[in-house]
Amino acid sequence: MPPRAPLLRIPYTDPLPAPRIIPASAATSSGAIAALVNFLSPSLPSSPSRSSSTTPASASSGHTVLLTGAGISVASGLADYRGTAGTYTLNRTYRPIYYNEFCASHEARKRYWARSFLGWTNLVRAKANAGHVAVGDLGRLGVVGSVVTQNVDSFHPLTHPALSTIELHGYLRTLTCLTCATSYPRSSFQHDLSRLNPSWATFLASMLETGALDTENPLERSKRGLKTNPDGDVDIPGAEYTTFRYPACPTCLKDGKIRVEVDTDGAWTTPAGGSGAGGAVLKPSVVMFGESIPAERKVAAEKTIDDASRILVVGSSLATYSAWRLVKRAKERNMPIGILNIGGCRGEDTFYANVQEEGNAGREAVRCSERADVILPQVVQALQASRSRDRI
């Protein structure tokens, strides 16, 4: 049997249809809360529904796995891709950097790190919101057994460290050397960028002083001459990115096992007569578009699906194949599927094709178009009340 092609993270740009709300009562906030409570109740420990349900046995016992996307972090002030103010919604020409570009082009890395340098401060200042806290509460209730997140902001592991979280697309909190695989803190890297680019550091300080970076809302930033994108990326049209400098891997420089071209300040430079490719290049510890997800992480994410009895998608349009295929896997295992996301989702018509509206109050399937930071805390309260009643 030939080996399967590597799983790549690639953007999906086709238009998404409006969601089909399931059940119809979930069209209101109160109805959405009730439907989600019904959906999650079978995963509540000691719940009678675990032993008395009309749903298949595999779907009426065990915990729920959560699959989260950028939408859950919008309330934290971060940009998303496909929300009402998302990058792909407002900026149709946006194109993220691809893995092969980053690895091969010195100029592409200059542009990437200059924009990341400007966007990092806002990412660091952002805090987890009520939606993340509610996810942790669902874990403590025993309803949610694991989380798979597409997000790279680290909010999930920071907010609920006791709840297993797989960061499918990696994280921005560290960098990884493409040569020696050593990790390097992103916060330290930011200081290095400031040292190597004093004029850029002065410019960043002035923008922070004037409040130009106080919001990641694309509409607000466009009024200030900025373009904001997910994952801490800020574009300034007309900026001279070619002047930006970034450091080489300090471990490679210290070891001296490979030849690394740097200037007098330690900034990475292109070898004489060479290309933009070379050793000691630091890359953010994220899975870039066009890059393969590590095999062990892919297998771990699949196992979380296989070990769960139902899946709830929160804040994701499932536009990347790596996330969509996990819900497809759940569908193939006849698991109940729930989606809490504002706007459409890729392939959701297929996921809900066989759902019968009559008699379903959310137990067999649920589809809501509401804010997670508003809805999930109230779902937690209702489940806590339900467990208290069961214990009386």
Protein backbone atom coordinates (compact mmCIF):
# COMPACT_ATOMS: atom_id res chain seq x y z
CA MET A 1 0.00 0.00 0.00
CA PRO A 2 1.59 3.33 -1.06
CA PRO A 3 2.25 5.89 1.70
CA ARG A 4 -0.38 8.55 2.13
CA ALA A 5 0.45 12.08 1.09
CA PRO A 6 1.43 14.33 4.01
CA LEU A 7 -1.37 16.31 5.61
CA LEU A 8 -0.86 19.93 4.65
CA ARG A 9 -2.40 23.07 6.08
CA ILE A 10 -3.83 25.01 3.13
CA PRO A 11 -6.39 27.82 3.02
CA TYR A 12 -9.89 27.08 1.72
CA THR A 13 -11.25 30.10 -0.14
CA ASP A 14 -14.60 28.96 -1.55
CA PRO A 15 -17.69 30.83 -0.28
CA LEU A 16 -19.45 29.16 2.65
CA PRO A 17 -23.24 28.82 2.72
CA ALA A 18 -25.35 30.17 5.56
CA PRO A 19 -25.77 27.68 8.42
CA ARG A 20 -28.83 25.49 8.86
CA ILE A 21 -29.80 26.01 12.49
CA ILE A 22 -30.48 22.73 14.32
CA PRO A 23 -32.87 22.43 16.05
CA ALA A 24 -34.90 25.37 14.76
CA SER A 25 -35.35 26.60 18.34
CA ALA A 26 -31.58 27.24 18.50
CA ALA A 27 -32.07 30.35 16.36
CA THR A 28 -32.35 32.36 19.59
CA SER A 29 -29.69 32.64 22.29
CA SER A 30 -31.87 30.91 24.88
CA GLY A 31 -32.74 28.20 22.40
CA ALA A 32 -29.08 27.72 21.51
CA ILE A 33 -28.19 27.33 25.19
CA ALA A 34 -30.93 24.75 25.70
CA ALA A 35 -29.90 22.81 22.61
CA LEU A 36 -26.24 22.76 23.64
CA VAL A 37 -27.15 21.61 27.13
CA ASN A 38 -29.14 18.76 25.60
CA PHE A 39 -26.22 17.93 23.33
CA LEU A 40 -23.64 17.86 26.13
CA SER A 41 -25.77 16.26 28.85
CA PRO A 42 -24.97 12.67 27.82
CA SER A 43 -21.32 13.42 28.65
CA LEU A 44 -22.14 14.70 32.13
CA PRO A 45 -20.90 12.12 34.70
CA SER A 46 -23.72 10.40 36.63
CA SER A 47 -26.24 11.77 34.14
CA PRO A 48 -29.25 9.46 33.72
CA SER A 49 -29.02 10.06 29.98
CA ARG A 50 -25.85 7.97 29.92
CA SER A 51 -27.89 4.85 30.56
CA SER A 52 -31.33 5.82 29.24
CA SER A 53 -31.21 7.34 25.78
CA THR A 54 -32.63 6.59 22.35
CA THR A 55 -29.25 7.39 20.76
CA PRO A 56 -26.76 4.60 19.95
CA ALA A 57 -24.74 3.33 22.90
CA SER A 58 -21.50 4.71 21.49
CA ALA A 59 -23.07 8.17 21.38
CA SER A 60 -24.80 8.14 24.74
CA SER A 61 -21.80 7.56 26.98
CA GLY A 62 -18.33 9.00 27.31
CA HIS A 63 -16.96 12.49 27.02
CA THR A 64 -17.17 15.17 24.35
CA VAL A 65 -14.15 16.35 22.37
CA LEU A 66 -13.97 20.05 21.48
CA LEU A 67 -12.50 21.32 18.22
CA THR A 68 -11.90 25.07 18.44
CA GLY A 69 -10.88 27.72 15.93
CA ALA A 70 -10.13 31.43 15.68
CA GLY A 71 -13.72 32.39 16.44
CA ILE A 72 -13.36 31.54 20.13
CA SER A 73 -10.53 34.10 20.46
CA VAL A 74 -12.29 37.01 18.73
CA ALA A 75 -13.67 38.16 22.09
CA SER A 76 -10.04 38.39 23.27
CA GLY A 77 -9.46 41.07 20.65
CA LEU A 78 -7.75 38.84 18.08
CA ALA A 79 -8.57 38.76 14.39
CA ASP A 80 -10.08 35.70 12.75
CA TYR A 81 -10.22 34.50 9.17
CA ARG A 82 -13.88 34.18 8.19
CA GLY A 83 -15.99 36.00 10.79
CA THR A 84 -18.04 39.08 10.02
CA ALA A 85 -14.84 41.16 10.37
CA GLY A 86 -12.45 38.36 9.40
CA THR A 87 -9.43 38.75 7.14
CA TYR A 88 -10.85 36.70 4.26
CA THR A 89 -14.18 38.51 4.61
CA LEU A 90 -12.79 42.06 4.41
CA ASN A 91 -9.52 41.51 2.54
CA ARG A 92 -10.17 39.23 -0.41
CA THR A 93 -6.61 39.60 -1.67
CA TYR A 94 -4.98 38.44 1.57
CA ARG A 95 -2.49 35.64 1.07
CA PRO A 96 -0.61 34.15 4.05
CA ILE A 97 3.04 33.23 3.77
CA TYR A 98 3.68 29.65 2.73
CA TYR A 99 6.17 27.31 4.34
CA ASN A 100 8.34 26.95 1.23
CA GLU A 101 8.54 30.74 0.86
CA PHE A 102 9.66 31.18 4.45
CA CYS A 103 12.34 28.52 4.15
CA ALA A 104 13.69 29.60 0.77
CA SER A 105 13.47 33.38 0.76
CA HIS A 106 15.46 35.80 2.92
CA GLU A 107 13.28 38.66 1.68
CA ALA A 108 10.09 36.76 2.57
CA ARG A 109 11.42 36.21 6.10
CA LYS A 110 12.28 39.90 6.44
CA ARG A 111 8.71 40.79 5.52
CA TYR A 112 7.26 38.14 7.81
CA TRP A 113 9.32 39.12 10.85
CA ALA A 114 8.77 42.87 10.36
CA ARG A 115 5.01 42.39 10.36
CA SER A 116 5.19 39.93 13.24
CA PHE A 117 7.34 42.39 15.19
CA LEU A 118 4.57 44.98 14.96
CA GLY A 119 1.77 42.53 15.73
CA TRP A 120 3.38 40.64 18.60
CA THR A 121 2.70 43.30 21.25
CA ASN A 122 -1.06 43.13 20.77
CA LEU A 123 -0.97 39.32 20.82
CA VAL A 124 0.93 39.36 24.12
CA ARG A 125 -1.49 41.84 25.67
CA ALA A 126 -4.54 39.78 24.68
CA LYS A 127 -6.07 37.58 27.37
CA ALA A 128 -8.23 34.49 27.33
CA ASN A 129 -11.95 35.25 27.42
CA ALA A 130 -15.04 33.74 29.02
CA GLY A 131 -15.28 31.15 26.25
CA HIS A 132 -11.88 29.69 27.13
CA VAL A 133 -12.74 29.71 30.83
CA ALA A 134 -16.01 27.90 30.09
CA VAL A 135 -14.10 25.21 28.19
CA GLY A 136 -12.02 24.62 31.30
CA ASP A 137 -15.20 24.45 33.38
CA LEU A 138 -16.62 21.82 31.01
CA GLY A 139 -13.45 19.84 31.55
CA ARG A 140 -13.78 20.06 35.33
CA LEU A 141 -17.40 18.91 35.04
CA GLY A 142 -16.19 15.82 33.21
CA VAL A 143 -18.19 16.75 30.11
CA VAL A 144 -15.22 17.58 27.89
CA GLY A 145 -12.34 15.14 27.98
CA SER A 146 -10.00 16.80 25.49
CA VAL A 147 -9.58 19.81 23.21
CA VAL A 148 -8.11 20.02 19.74
CA THR A 149 -7.48 23.62 18.76
CA GLN A 150 -6.45 25.19 15.48
CA ASN A 151 -5.42 28.33 17.34
CA VAL A 152 -1.80 29.31 17.92
CA ASP A 153 -2.45 31.86 20.71
CA SER A 154 -1.87 29.37 23.59
CA PHE A 155 -5.06 30.48 25.40
CA HIS A 156 -6.34 26.93 25.86
CA PRO A 157 -3.29 25.40 27.61
CA LEU A 158 -2.81 28.55 29.67
CA THR A 159 -6.45 28.73 30.79
CA HIS A 160 -7.06 25.05 31.56
CA PRO A 161 -3.70 23.25 31.86
CA ALA A 162 -5.33 20.20 33.44
CA LEU A 163 -7.52 19.62 30.37
CA SER A 164 -5.69 17.83 27.56
CA THR A 165 -5.17 20.17 24.60
CA ILE A 166 -3.67 19.35 21.22
CA GLU A 167 -2.49 22.47 19.41
CA LEU A 168 -3.02 21.15 15.91
CA HIS A 169 -1.29 24.01 14.12
CA GLY A 170 1.37 24.66 16.74
CA TYR A 171 1.86 27.86 18.71
CA LEU A 172 3.48 31.28 18.50
CA ARG A 173 5.02 31.29 21.99
CA THR A 174 8.29 29.76 20.73
CA LEU A 175 10.42 29.54 17.61
CA THR A 176 12.17 26.43 16.32
CA CYS A 177 15.46 26.32 14.46
CA LEU A 178 15.13 24.66 11.07
CA THR A 179 18.65 23.29 11.43
CA CYS A 180 19.11 22.09 15.03
CA ALA A 181 15.41 22.04 16.14
CA THR A 182 16.21 24.03 19.30
CA SER A 183 13.29 26.06 20.71
CA TYR A 184 13.67 29.75 21.45
CA PRO A 185 11.18 31.95 23.36
CA ARG A 186 9.27 34.36 21.14
CA SER A 187 9.47 37.02 23.86
CA SER A 188 13.29 36.90 23.77
CA PHE A 189 13.20 37.01 19.99
CA GLN A 190 11.14 40.21 20.18
CA HIS A 191 13.93 41.85 22.19
CA ASP A 192 16.45 40.69 19.59
CA LEU A 193 14.36 42.22 16.81
CA SER A 194 14.19 45.52 18.70
CA ARG A 195 17.97 45.55 19.13
CA LEU A 196 18.64 44.81 15.47
CA ASN A 197 16.01 47.26 14.17
CA PRO A 198 16.14 50.45 16.29
CA SER A 199 14.19 52.55 13.80
CA TRP A 200 11.44 49.94 13.67
CA ALA A 201 11.45 49.76 17.47
CA THR A 202 10.97 53.54 17.63
CA PHE A 203 8.14 53.31 15.12
CA LEU A 204 6.47 50.55 17.15
CA ALA A 205 6.80 52.59 20.34
CA SER A 206 5.14 55.58 18.66
CA MET A 207 2.25 53.44 17.42
CA LEU A 208 1.74 52.01 20.89
CA GLU A 209 1.85 55.51 22.40
CA THR A 210 -0.78 56.82 20.00
CA GLY A 211 -2.98 53.74 20.43
CA ALA A 212 -2.71 52.75 16.76
CA LEU A 213 -2.39 49.08 17.73
CA ASP A 214 -5.03 49.05 20.46
CA THR A 215 -7.42 47.05 18.30
CA GLU A 216 -7.13 44.13 15.90
CA ASN A 217 -10.44 45.00 14.27
CA PRO A 218 -9.58 45.24 10.56
CA LEU A 219 -12.02 48.09 9.94
CA GLU A 220 -10.56 50.19 12.76
CA ARG A 221 -6.98 49.53 11.73
CA SER A 222 -7.65 50.28 8.08
CA LYS A 223 -8.72 53.77 9.15
CA ARG A 224 -5.24 54.15 10.62
CA GLY A 225 -3.44 52.94 7.50
CA LEU A 226 -2.82 49.42 8.79
CA LYS A 227 -3.87 45.99 7.62
CA THR A 228 -4.33 43.41 10.35
CA ASN A 229 -4.40 39.66 9.84
CA PRO A 230 -4.66 36.64 12.17
CA ASP A 231 -1.74 35.30 14.18
CA GLY A 232 -0.19 38.65 15.07
CA ASP A 233 0.42 39.93 11.55
CA VAL A 234 0.32 43.70 10.86
CA ASP A 235 0.91 45.03 7.37
CA ILE A 236 1.85 48.65 6.67
CA PRO A 237 1.33 49.35 2.96
CA GLY A 238 4.45 50.86 1.42
CA ALA A 239 6.78 49.89 4.27
CA GLU A 240 10.41 49.10 3.42
CA TYR A 241 10.52 45.55 4.72
CA THR A 242 13.84 44.94 2.95
CA THR A 243 15.65 46.89 5.67
CA PHE A 244 14.43 44.62 8.47
CA ARG A 245 16.91 42.30 10.18
CA TYR A 246 16.41 39.14 12.23
CA PRO A 247 18.84 37.02 14.27
CA ALA A 248 20.23 33.62 13.46
CA CYS A 249 19.75 30.67 15.83
CA PRO A 250 21.98 31.33 18.87
CA THR A 251 22.53 27.60 19.44
CA CYS A 252 23.86 27.07 15.93
CA LEU A 253 26.11 30.11 16.29
CA LYS A 254 27.50 28.81 19.57
CA ASP A 255 28.01 25.22 18.42
CA GLY A 256 29.80 26.23 15.25
CA LYS A 257 28.91 22.93 13.57
CA ILE A 258 27.64 24.66 10.46
CA ARG A 259 28.71 27.81 8.71
CA VAL A 260 26.29 30.64 9.43
CA GLU A 261 26.55 34.01 7.73
CA VAL A 262 25.72 36.89 10.08
CA ASP A 263 26.55 40.57 10.15
CA THR A 264 28.47 42.30 12.93
CA ASP A 265 25.31 42.51 15.06
CA GLY A 266 24.41 38.83 14.68
CA ALA A 267 21.67 39.28 12.10
CA TRP A 268 21.18 36.50 9.54
CA THR A 269 22.54 37.32 6.09
CA THR A 270 22.48 35.56 2.75
CA PRO A 271 25.69 33.63 2.04
CA ALA A 272 27.79 35.17 -0.73
CA GLY A 273 26.44 33.96 -4.04
CA GLY A 274 23.78 31.98 -2.23
CA SER A 275 20.00 32.04 -2.04
CA GLY A 276 17.66 32.86 0.81
CA ALA A 277 17.91 29.29 2.05
CA GLY A 278 20.53 28.43 4.63
CA GLY A 279 21.20 27.17 8.12
CA ALA A 280 20.34 28.56 11.55
CA VAL A 281 16.99 29.99 10.45
CA LEU A 282 14.46 30.40 13.26
CA LYS A 283 10.84 29.69 12.34
CA PRO A 284 7.73 30.23 14.47
CA SER A 285 6.58 26.94 16.01
CA VAL A 286 3.40 26.99 13.97
CA VAL A 287 2.32 24.84 11.05
CA MET A 288 2.45 27.32 8.19
CA PHE A 289 0.23 27.03 5.16
CA GLY A 290 1.70 24.39 2.87
CA GLU A 291 3.55 22.70 5.74
CA SER A 292 2.90 19.17 6.96
CA ILE A 293 1.39 18.67 10.39
CA PRO A 294 3.79 16.48 12.43
CA ALA A 295 2.71 12.84 12.14
CA GLU A 296 2.57 12.24 15.89
CA ARG A 297 0.31 15.28 16.37
CA LYS A 298 -1.97 14.16 13.56
CA VAL A 299 -2.29 10.69 15.10
CA ALA A 300 -2.93 12.17 18.57
CA ALA A 301 -5.73 14.36 17.18
CA GLU A 302 -7.33 11.37 15.47
CA LYS A 303 -7.17 9.41 18.73
CA THR A 304 -9.05 12.15 20.60
CA ILE A 305 -11.88 11.70 18.09
CA ASP A 306 -11.83 7.93 18.41
CA ASP A 307 -11.86 8.09 22.22
CA ALA A 308 -14.81 10.49 22.42
CA SER A 309 -18.53 9.86 22.08
CA ARG A 310 -19.44 13.18 20.45
CA ILE A 311 -17.75 16.28 19.03
CA LEU A 312 -18.50 19.98 19.45
CA VAL A 313 -16.91 22.48 17.08
CA VAL A 314 -16.50 25.96 18.58
CA GLY A 315 -15.50 29.03 16.58
CA SER A 316 -14.27 27.29 13.45
CA SER A 317 -15.47 27.38 9.86
CA LEU A 318 -13.51 24.14 9.27
CA ALA A 319 -11.89 25.85 6.29
CA THR A 320 -8.61 24.00 6.70
CA TYR A 321 -8.62 20.37 5.70
CA SER A 322 -6.73 19.34 8.83
CA ALA A 323 -9.72 20.41 10.97
CA TRP A 324 -12.48 19.42 8.56
CA ARG A 325 -11.19 15.85 8.29
CA LEU A 326 -11.50 15.39 12.07
CA VAL A 327 -15.21 16.18 11.92
CA LYS A 328 -15.48 13.91 8.88
CA ARG A 329 -13.87 11.18 10.97
CA ALA A 330 -16.46 11.75 13.70
CA LYS A 331 -19.22 11.56 11.10
CA GLU A 332 -17.87 8.25 9.79
CA ARG A 333 -17.96 6.93 13.36
CA ASN A 334 -21.63 7.97 13.68
CA MET A 335 -20.83 10.43 16.46
CA PRO A 336 -23.29 13.24 17.19
CA ILE A 337 -21.89 16.51 15.83
CA GLY A 338 -22.43 19.96 17.28
CA ILE A 339 -21.23 23.27 15.84
CA LEU A 340 -21.21 26.62 17.63
CA ASN A 341 -19.90 29.10 15.08
CA ILE A 342 -21.02 32.42 13.64
CA GLY A 343 -21.41 31.95 9.89
CA GLY A 344 -21.12 28.92 7.67
CA CYS A 345 -18.83 25.91 7.95
CA ARG A 346 -17.17 23.87 5.24
CA GLY A 347 -19.10 20.69 4.50
CA GLU A 348 -21.70 21.11 7.23
CA ASP A 349 -24.51 20.11 4.87
CA THR A 350 -22.87 16.69 4.65
CA PHE A 351 -22.38 16.42 8.41
CA TYR A 352 -26.09 17.07 9.03
CA ALA A 353 -27.52 15.36 5.94
CA ASN A 354 -29.22 12.56 7.88
CA VAL A 355 -30.36 14.55 10.90
CA GLN A 356 -34.07 14.30 11.56
CA GLU A 357 -35.56 17.57 12.78
CA GLU A 358 -38.57 15.92 14.44
CA GLY A 359 -37.88 14.90 18.01
CA ASN A 360 -34.36 16.36 18.10
CA ALA A 361 -33.96 18.98 20.82
CA GLY A 362 -30.20 19.01 20.38
CA ARG A 363 -29.29 15.56 21.68
CA GLU A 364 -28.55 14.03 18.28
CA ALA A 365 -27.17 17.17 16.61
CA VAL A 366 -26.92 20.90 17.19
CA ARG A 367 -25.97 23.86 14.99
CA CYS A 368 -25.89 27.36 16.51
CA SER A 369 -24.66 30.68 15.17
CA GLU A 370 -23.83 32.49 18.41
CA ARG A 371 -20.84 33.93 20.26
CA ALA A 372 -18.99 31.31 22.28
CA ASP A 373 -17.93 33.74 25.01
CA VAL A 374 -21.59 34.57 25.66
CA ILE A 375 -23.21 31.16 25.22
CA LEU A 376 -20.74 28.67 26.72
CA PRO A 377 -20.65 30.16 30.26
CA GLN A 378 -24.45 29.87 30.42
CA VAL A 379 -24.27 26.29 29.15
CA VAL A 380 -21.84 25.52 31.98
CA GLN A 381 -24.22 27.02 34.55
CA ALA A 382 -27.11 24.93 33.23
CA LEU A 383 -25.05 21.73 33.31
CA GLN A 384 -23.86 22.48 36.84
CA ALA A 385 -27.47 22.96 37.93
CA SER A 386 -28.45 19.72 36.23
CA ARG A 387 -25.73 17.79 38.04
CA SER A 388 -26.78 19.29 41.36
CA ARG A 389 -30.36 18.15 40.79
CA ASP A 390 -29.21 14.64 39.94
CA ARG A 391 -27.33 14.40 43.23
CA ILE A 392 -30.32 15.36 45.37
